[in-house]
Amino acid sequence: MSRLYSAIILSAVLALAACVTINVYFPAAAAERAAERFVEDVLAEPREDGSLLNPLRGPVEIIRVAALRSLDLLVPSAEAQQQAEIEINTPQINAIKARMADRQRQSLASLFDAGAVGFTADGFVAVRDRAAVPLSERRTLESLVADENRDRKAVYREIAVANGHAEWEQDIQQTFAREWVSNARKGWWYQADDGSWRQK
């Protein structure tokens, strides 16, 4: 009888262990959603009243998000539990995002418009055409790009650490690289995978 009791307990423990298996794979879809939210917040255009306008969050985007959320309700609960989320709402990440958004509105947006800077294929910003700014402003241009890239590097690292997987930093950086280009405005420049510059 005790053998049967032990076998039942062992089976229960093994079944429980199978239910709490932790997957440590990189959650690409969740990372894309997080990167999209972050990038949209940084690149949002200011309205005349000073609030932010994100052209990607118009009526069509609202309908798309509502449809996706409706589909989420139809996903079986077991599958829904396997879907991970990427945390991007920590004091450190929010502080970096605020600096990046300020820099974007105050300086970088006009530099992107002029073609002086562009998005690189690896998730950073590079000087594309120094001649697009007056000679007297070129040192400021270099400084802005260096500050922006320092914050970008820091945010990729902070997101990985905030989610308990420092080893995800490179994957997060690659995910953000795609989102920066995807959210670039018409006329802005970006680097293709082969290093060549292209204009949206």
C-alpha atoms as a PDB file:
ATOM      1  CA  MET A   1       0.000   0.000   0.000  1.00  0.00           C
ATOM      2  CA  SER A   2       2.820   2.381   0.841  1.00  0.00           C
ATOM      3  CA  ARG A   3       4.429   1.578  -2.515  1.00  0.00           C
ATOM      4  CA  LEU A   4       1.232   2.532  -4.326  1.00  0.00           C
ATOM      5  CA  TYR A   5       0.942   5.704  -2.212  1.00  0.00           C
ATOM      6  CA  SER A   6       4.568   6.614  -3.035  1.00  0.00           C
ATOM      7  CA  ALA A   7       3.965   6.012  -6.731  1.00  0.00           C
ATOM      8  CA  ILE A   8       0.912   8.282  -6.674  1.00  0.00           C
ATOM      9  CA  ILE A   9       2.853  11.058  -4.905  1.00  0.00           C
ATOM     10  CA  LEU A  10       5.776  10.688  -7.325  1.00  0.00           C
ATOM     11  CA  SER A  11       3.403  10.881 -10.303  1.00  0.00           C
ATOM     12  CA  ALA A  12       1.771  13.990  -8.874  1.00  0.00           C
ATOM     13  CA  VAL A  13       5.145  15.663  -8.272  1.00  0.00           C
ATOM     14  CA  LEU A  14       6.317  14.861 -11.816  1.00  0.00           C
ATOM     15  CA  ALA A  15       3.056  16.174 -13.270  1.00  0.00           C
ATOM     16  CA  LEU A  16       3.405  19.378 -11.247  1.00  0.00           C
ATOM     17  CA  ALA A  17       7.019  19.781 -12.355  1.00  0.00           C
ATOM     18  CA  ALA A  18       5.932  19.394 -15.977  1.00  0.00           C
ATOM     19  CA  CYS A  19       3.383  22.193 -15.501  1.00  0.00           C
ATOM     20  CA  VAL A  20       5.919  24.670 -14.119  1.00  0.00           C
ATOM     21  CA  THR A  21       8.634  24.174 -16.696  1.00  0.00           C
ATOM     22  CA  ILE A  22      10.152  27.595 -17.364  1.00  0.00           C
ATOM     23  CA  ASN A  23      10.966  28.493 -20.934  1.00  0.00           C
ATOM     24  CA  VAL A  24      13.956  30.805 -21.323  1.00  0.00           C
ATOM     25  CA  TYR A  25      13.691  31.294 -25.074  1.00  0.00           C
ATOM     26  CA  PHE A  26      13.687  34.866 -26.371  1.00  0.00           C
ATOM     27  CA  PRO A  27      10.024  35.970 -26.759  1.00  0.00           C
ATOM     28  CA  ALA A  28      10.345  37.665 -30.154  1.00  0.00           C
ATOM     29  CA  ALA A  29       6.679  38.645 -30.551  1.00  0.00           C
ATOM     30  CA  ALA A  30       6.548  40.211 -27.082  1.00  0.00           C
ATOM     31  CA  ALA A  31       9.808  42.037 -27.757  1.00  0.00           C
ATOM     32  CA  GLU A  32       8.398  43.443 -30.995  1.00  0.00           C
ATOM     33  CA  ARG A  33       5.306  44.745 -29.200  1.00  0.00           C
ATOM     34  CA  ALA A  34       7.438  46.337 -26.474  1.00  0.00           C
ATOM     35  CA  ALA A  35       9.857  47.868 -28.982  1.00  0.00           C
ATOM     36  CA  GLU A  36       6.980  49.243 -31.040  1.00  0.00           C
ATOM     37  CA  ARG A  37       5.463  50.994 -27.997  1.00  0.00           C
ATOM     38  CA  PHE A  38       8.832  52.411 -26.921  1.00  0.00           C
ATOM     39  CA  VAL A  39       9.804  53.633 -30.404  1.00  0.00           C
ATOM     40  CA  GLU A  40       6.404  55.207 -31.030  1.00  0.00           C
ATOM     41  CA  ASP A  41       6.687  57.108 -27.735  1.00  0.00           C
ATOM     42  CA  VAL A  42      10.158  58.417 -28.609  1.00  0.00           C
ATOM     43  CA  LEU A  43       9.308  59.405 -32.183  1.00  0.00           C
ATOM     44  CA  ALA A  44       5.871  60.900 -31.401  1.00  0.00           C
ATOM     45  CA  GLU A  45       5.306  64.293 -33.005  1.00  0.00           C
ATOM     46  CA  PRO A  46       4.283  67.231 -30.786  1.00  0.00           C
ATOM     47  CA  ARG A  47       0.860  68.814 -31.396  1.00  0.00           C
ATOM     48  CA  GLU A  48       0.361  72.576 -31.432  1.00  0.00           C
ATOM     49  CA  ASP A  49      -0.833  72.411 -27.809  1.00  0.00           C
ATOM     50  CA  GLY A  50       2.400  70.676 -26.772  1.00  0.00           C
ATOM     51  CA  SER A  51       0.888  67.204 -26.335  1.00  0.00           C
ATOM     52  CA  LEU A  52       2.214  64.343 -28.420  1.00  0.00           C
ATOM     53  CA  LEU A  53       0.691  63.126 -31.636  1.00  0.00           C
ATOM     54  CA  ASN A  54       1.671  59.741 -32.910  1.00  0.00           C
ATOM     55  CA  PRO A  55       0.644  59.383 -36.553  1.00  0.00           C
ATOM     56  CA  LEU A  56       0.644  55.599 -36.122  1.00  0.00           C
ATOM     57  CA  ARG A  57      -2.049  55.771 -33.463  1.00  0.00           C
ATOM     58  CA  GLY A  58      -4.829  57.180 -35.607  1.00  0.00           C
ATOM     59  CA  PRO A  59      -8.257  55.543 -36.150  1.00  0.00           C
ATOM     60  CA  VAL A  60      -6.834  52.708 -38.266  1.00  0.00           C
ATOM     61  CA  GLU A  61      -4.269  51.849 -35.583  1.00  0.00           C
ATOM     62  CA  ILE A  62      -6.932  51.958 -32.860  1.00  0.00           C
ATOM     63  CA  ILE A  63      -9.094  49.523 -34.846  1.00  0.00           C
ATOM     64  CA  ARG A  64      -6.076  47.256 -35.446  1.00  0.00           C
ATOM     65  CA  VAL A  65      -5.193  47.178 -31.739  1.00  0.00           C
ATOM     66  CA  ALA A  66      -8.832  46.490 -30.787  1.00  0.00           C
ATOM     67  CA  ALA A  67      -8.983  43.624 -33.281  1.00  0.00           C
ATOM     68  CA  LEU A  68      -5.763  42.109 -31.947  1.00  0.00           C
ATOM     69  CA  ARG A  69      -7.048  42.337 -28.381  1.00  0.00           C
ATOM     70  CA  SER A  70     -10.287  40.636 -29.439  1.00  0.00           C
ATOM     71  CA  LEU A  71      -8.279  37.817 -30.990  1.00  0.00           C
ATOM     72  CA  ASP A  72      -6.316  37.490 -27.751  1.00  0.00           C
ATOM     73  CA  LEU A  73      -9.579  36.603 -25.992  1.00  0.00           C
ATOM     74  CA  LEU A  74     -10.045  33.676 -28.370  1.00  0.00           C
ATOM     75  CA  VAL A  75      -6.622  32.176 -27.648  1.00  0.00           C
ATOM     76  CA  PRO A  76      -6.869  29.068 -25.459  1.00  0.00           C
ATOM     77  CA  SER A  77      -5.829  29.805 -21.881  1.00  0.00           C
ATOM     78  CA  ALA A  78      -2.961  27.275 -21.933  1.00  0.00           C
ATOM     79  CA  GLU A  79      -1.476  28.951 -24.995  1.00  0.00           C
ATOM     80  CA  ALA A  80      -2.066  32.430 -23.568  1.00  0.00           C
ATOM     81  CA  GLN A  81      -0.108  31.504 -20.448  1.00  0.00           C
ATOM     82  CA  GLN A  82       2.897  30.671 -22.626  1.00  0.00           C
ATOM     83  CA  GLN A  83       2.917  34.148 -24.191  1.00  0.00           C
ATOM     84  CA  ALA A  84       5.566  36.236 -22.470  1.00  0.00           C
ATOM     85  CA  GLU A  85       5.632  39.982 -21.959  1.00  0.00           C
ATOM     86  CA  ILE A  86       8.686  42.216 -22.050  1.00  0.00           C
ATOM     87  CA  GLU A  87       8.906  44.738 -19.216  1.00  0.00           C
ATOM     88  CA  ILE A  88       9.774  48.246 -20.408  1.00  0.00           C
ATOM     89  CA  ASN A  89       8.218  50.243 -17.590  1.00  0.00           C
ATOM     90  CA  THR A  90      10.935  50.662 -14.962  1.00  0.00           C
ATOM     91  CA  PRO A  91      12.313  53.934 -13.547  1.00  0.00           C
ATOM     92  CA  GLN A  92      15.638  53.412 -15.350  1.00  0.00           C
ATOM     93  CA  ILE A  93      14.048  52.620 -18.719  1.00  0.00           C
ATOM     94  CA  ASN A  94      11.538  55.475 -18.405  1.00  0.00           C
ATOM     95  CA  ALA A  95      14.318  57.958 -17.585  1.00  0.00           C
ATOM     96  CA  ILE A  96      16.262  56.917 -20.694  1.00  0.00           C
ATOM     97  CA  LYS A  97      13.124  57.066 -22.848  1.00  0.00           C
ATOM     98  CA  ALA A  98      12.345  60.578 -21.584  1.00  0.00           C
ATOM     99  CA  ARG A  99      15.857  61.778 -22.506  1.00  0.00           C
ATOM    100  CA  MET A 100      15.580  60.209 -25.944  1.00  0.00           C
ATOM    101  CA  ALA A 101      12.128  61.705 -26.571  1.00  0.00           C
ATOM    102  CA  ASP A 102      13.337  65.182 -25.550  1.00  0.00           C
ATOM    103  CA  ARG A 103      16.400  64.885 -27.754  1.00  0.00           C
ATOM    104  CA  GLN A 104      14.238  63.699 -30.638  1.00  0.00           C
ATOM    105  CA  ARG A 105      11.834  66.638 -30.388  1.00  0.00           C
ATOM    106  CA  GLN A 106      14.456  69.300 -29.698  1.00  0.00           C
ATOM    107  CA  SER A 107      17.180  68.295 -32.160  1.00  0.00           C
ATOM    108  CA  LEU A 108      17.175  64.914 -33.833  1.00  0.00           C
ATOM    109  CA  ALA A 109      13.868  65.183 -35.722  1.00  0.00           C
ATOM    110  CA  SER A 110      15.129  68.164 -37.717  1.00  0.00           C
ATOM    111  CA  LEU A 111      18.422  66.376 -38.373  1.00  0.00           C
ATOM    112  CA  PHE A 112      16.539  63.337 -39.672  1.00  0.00           C
ATOM    113  CA  ASP A 113      14.410  65.660 -41.834  1.00  0.00           C
ATOM    114  CA  ALA A 114      17.563  67.265 -43.266  1.00  0.00           C
ATOM    115  CA  GLY A 115      19.158  63.880 -43.969  1.00  0.00           C
ATOM    116  CA  ALA A 116      22.099  64.655 -41.709  1.00  0.00           C
ATOM    117  CA  VAL A 117      21.525  61.512 -39.640  1.00  0.00           C
ATOM    118  CA  GLY A 118      19.900  58.147 -40.211  1.00  0.00           C
ATOM    119  CA  PHE A 119      19.065  54.902 -38.474  1.00  0.00           C
ATOM    120  CA  THR A 120      21.750  52.232 -38.658  1.00  0.00           C
ATOM    121  CA  ALA A 121      21.023  48.571 -39.326  1.00  0.00           C
ATOM    122  CA  ASP A 122      22.095  47.689 -35.769  1.00  0.00           C
ATOM    123  CA  GLY A 123      19.713  49.945 -33.829  1.00  0.00           C
ATOM    124  CA  PHE A 124      21.755  53.117 -33.495  1.00  0.00           C
ATOM    125  CA  VAL A 125      21.974  56.531 -35.197  1.00  0.00           C
ATOM    126  CA  ALA A 126      24.818  57.626 -37.450  1.00  0.00           C
ATOM    127  CA  VAL A 127      25.877  60.852 -39.114  1.00  0.00           C
ATOM    128  CA  ARG A 128      24.986  60.343 -42.776  1.00  0.00           C
ATOM    129  CA  ASP A 129      25.719  63.757 -44.294  1.00  0.00           C
ATOM    130  CA  ARG A 130      27.726  66.339 -42.319  1.00  0.00           C
ATOM    131  CA  ALA A 131      27.257  68.841 -45.146  1.00  0.00           C
ATOM    132  CA  ALA A 132      23.527  68.964 -44.300  1.00  0.00           C
ATOM    133  CA  VAL A 133      24.326  71.134 -41.251  1.00  0.00           C
ATOM    134  CA  PRO A 134      26.368  74.350 -41.068  1.00  0.00           C
ATOM    135  CA  LEU A 135      30.057  73.923 -40.255  1.00  0.00           C
ATOM    136  CA  SER A 136      29.588  75.678 -36.907  1.00  0.00           C
ATOM    137  CA  GLU A 137      27.028  73.041 -35.809  1.00  0.00           C
ATOM    138  CA  ARG A 138      28.929  69.891 -36.755  1.00  0.00           C
ATOM    139  CA  ARG A 139      30.522  69.375 -33.355  1.00  0.00           C
ATOM    140  CA  THR A 140      27.057  69.620 -31.793  1.00  0.00           C
ATOM    141  CA  LEU A 141      25.836  67.076 -34.341  1.00  0.00           C
ATOM    142  CA  GLU A 142      28.555  64.601 -33.328  1.00  0.00           C
ATOM    143  CA  SER A 143      27.771  65.161 -29.651  1.00  0.00           C
ATOM    144  CA  LEU A 144      24.030  64.590 -30.156  1.00  0.00           C
ATOM    145  CA  VAL A 145      24.644  61.331 -32.014  1.00  0.00           C
ATOM    146  CA  ALA A 146      27.048  60.126 -29.314  1.00  0.00           C
ATOM    147  CA  ASP A 147      24.523  60.946 -26.552  1.00  0.00           C
ATOM    148  CA  GLU A 148      21.717  59.228 -28.449  1.00  0.00           C
ATOM    149  CA  ASN A 149      23.756  56.089 -29.058  1.00  0.00           C
ATOM    150  CA  ARG A 150      24.841  55.970 -25.418  1.00  0.00           C
ATOM    151  CA  ASP A 151      21.176  56.007 -24.368  1.00  0.00           C
ATOM    152  CA  ARG A 152      20.225  53.419 -26.971  1.00  0.00           C
ATOM    153  CA  LYS A 153      22.939  51.054 -25.798  1.00  0.00           C
ATOM    154  CA  ALA A 154      21.844  51.618 -22.187  1.00  0.00           C
ATOM    155  CA  VAL A 155      18.154  50.992 -22.896  1.00  0.00           C
ATOM    156  CA  TYR A 156      18.806  47.719 -24.726  1.00  0.00           C
ATOM    157  CA  ARG A 157      20.859  46.549 -21.755  1.00  0.00           C
ATOM    158  CA  GLU A 158      18.323  47.807 -19.175  1.00  0.00           C
ATOM    159  CA  ILE A 159      15.425  46.042 -20.899  1.00  0.00           C
ATOM    160  CA  ALA A 160      17.344  42.757 -20.935  1.00  0.00           C
ATOM    161  CA  VAL A 161      18.306  43.119 -17.262  1.00  0.00           C
ATOM    162  CA  ALA A 162      14.803  44.248 -16.212  1.00  0.00           C
ATOM    163  CA  ASN A 163      13.447  41.033 -17.704  1.00  0.00           C
ATOM    164  CA  GLY A 164      15.978  38.854 -15.913  1.00  0.00           C
ATOM    165  CA  HIS A 165      17.874  37.841 -19.052  1.00  0.00           C
ATOM    166  CA  ALA A 166      20.991  39.914 -19.668  1.00  0.00           C
ATOM    167  CA  GLU A 167      21.815  37.506 -22.503  1.00  0.00           C
ATOM    168  CA  TRP A 168      18.833  38.889 -24.478  1.00  0.00           C
ATOM    169  CA  GLU A 169      20.522  42.260 -25.014  1.00  0.00           C
ATOM    170  CA  GLN A 170      21.604  41.505 -28.597  1.00  0.00           C
ATOM    171  CA  ASP A 171      18.165  40.133 -29.521  1.00  0.00           C
ATOM    172  CA  ILE A 172      16.475  43.195 -28.044  1.00  0.00           C
ATOM    173  CA  GLN A 173      18.843  45.487 -29.934  1.00  0.00           C
ATOM    174  CA  GLN A 174      18.063  43.717 -33.228  1.00  0.00           C
ATOM    175  CA  THR A 175      14.327  43.927 -32.537  1.00  0.00           C
ATOM    176  CA  PHE A 176      14.593  47.661 -31.848  1.00  0.00           C
ATOM    177  CA  ALA A 177      16.709  48.161 -34.975  1.00  0.00           C
ATOM    178  CA  ARG A 178      13.820  46.895 -37.106  1.00  0.00           C
ATOM    179  CA  GLU A 179      11.293  49.049 -35.238  1.00  0.00           C
ATOM    180  CA  TRP A 180      13.286  52.285 -35.603  1.00  0.00           C
ATOM    181  CA  VAL A 181      13.354  51.788 -39.383  1.00  0.00           C
ATOM    182  CA  SER A 182       9.736  50.659 -39.538  1.00  0.00           C
ATOM    183  CA  ASN A 183       8.611  53.812 -37.676  1.00  0.00           C
ATOM    184  CA  ALA A 184      10.851  56.240 -39.571  1.00  0.00           C
ATOM    185  CA  ARG A 185       8.965  59.066 -41.247  1.00  0.00           C
ATOM    186  CA  LYS A 186       8.799  59.509 -44.990  1.00  0.00           C
ATOM    187  CA  GLY A 187      12.038  61.048 -46.233  1.00  0.00           C
ATOM    188  CA  TRP A 188      14.208  59.796 -43.359  1.00  0.00           C
ATOM    189  CA  TRP A 189      17.286  57.715 -44.072  1.00  0.00           C
ATOM    190  CA  TYR A 190      18.158  54.263 -42.814  1.00  0.00           C
ATOM    191  CA  GLN A 191      20.864  51.700 -43.420  1.00  0.00           C
ATOM    192  CA  ALA A 192      20.069  48.457 -45.183  1.00  0.00           C
ATOM    193  CA  ASP A 193      21.646  45.211 -43.983  1.00  0.00           C
ATOM    194  CA  ASP A 194      24.432  45.638 -46.547  1.00  0.00           C
ATOM    195  CA  GLY A 195      25.336  49.045 -45.070  1.00  0.00           C
ATOM    196  CA  SER A 196      23.958  51.145 -47.943  1.00  0.00           C
ATOM    197  CA  TRP A 197      21.793  54.173 -47.149  1.00  0.00           C
ATOM    198  CA  ARG A 198      18.178  54.241 -48.296  1.00  0.00           C
ATOM    199  CA  GLN A 199      15.447  56.818 -47.947  1.00  0.00           C
ATOM    200  CA  LYS A 200      11.892  56.009 -46.887  1.00  0.00           C
END
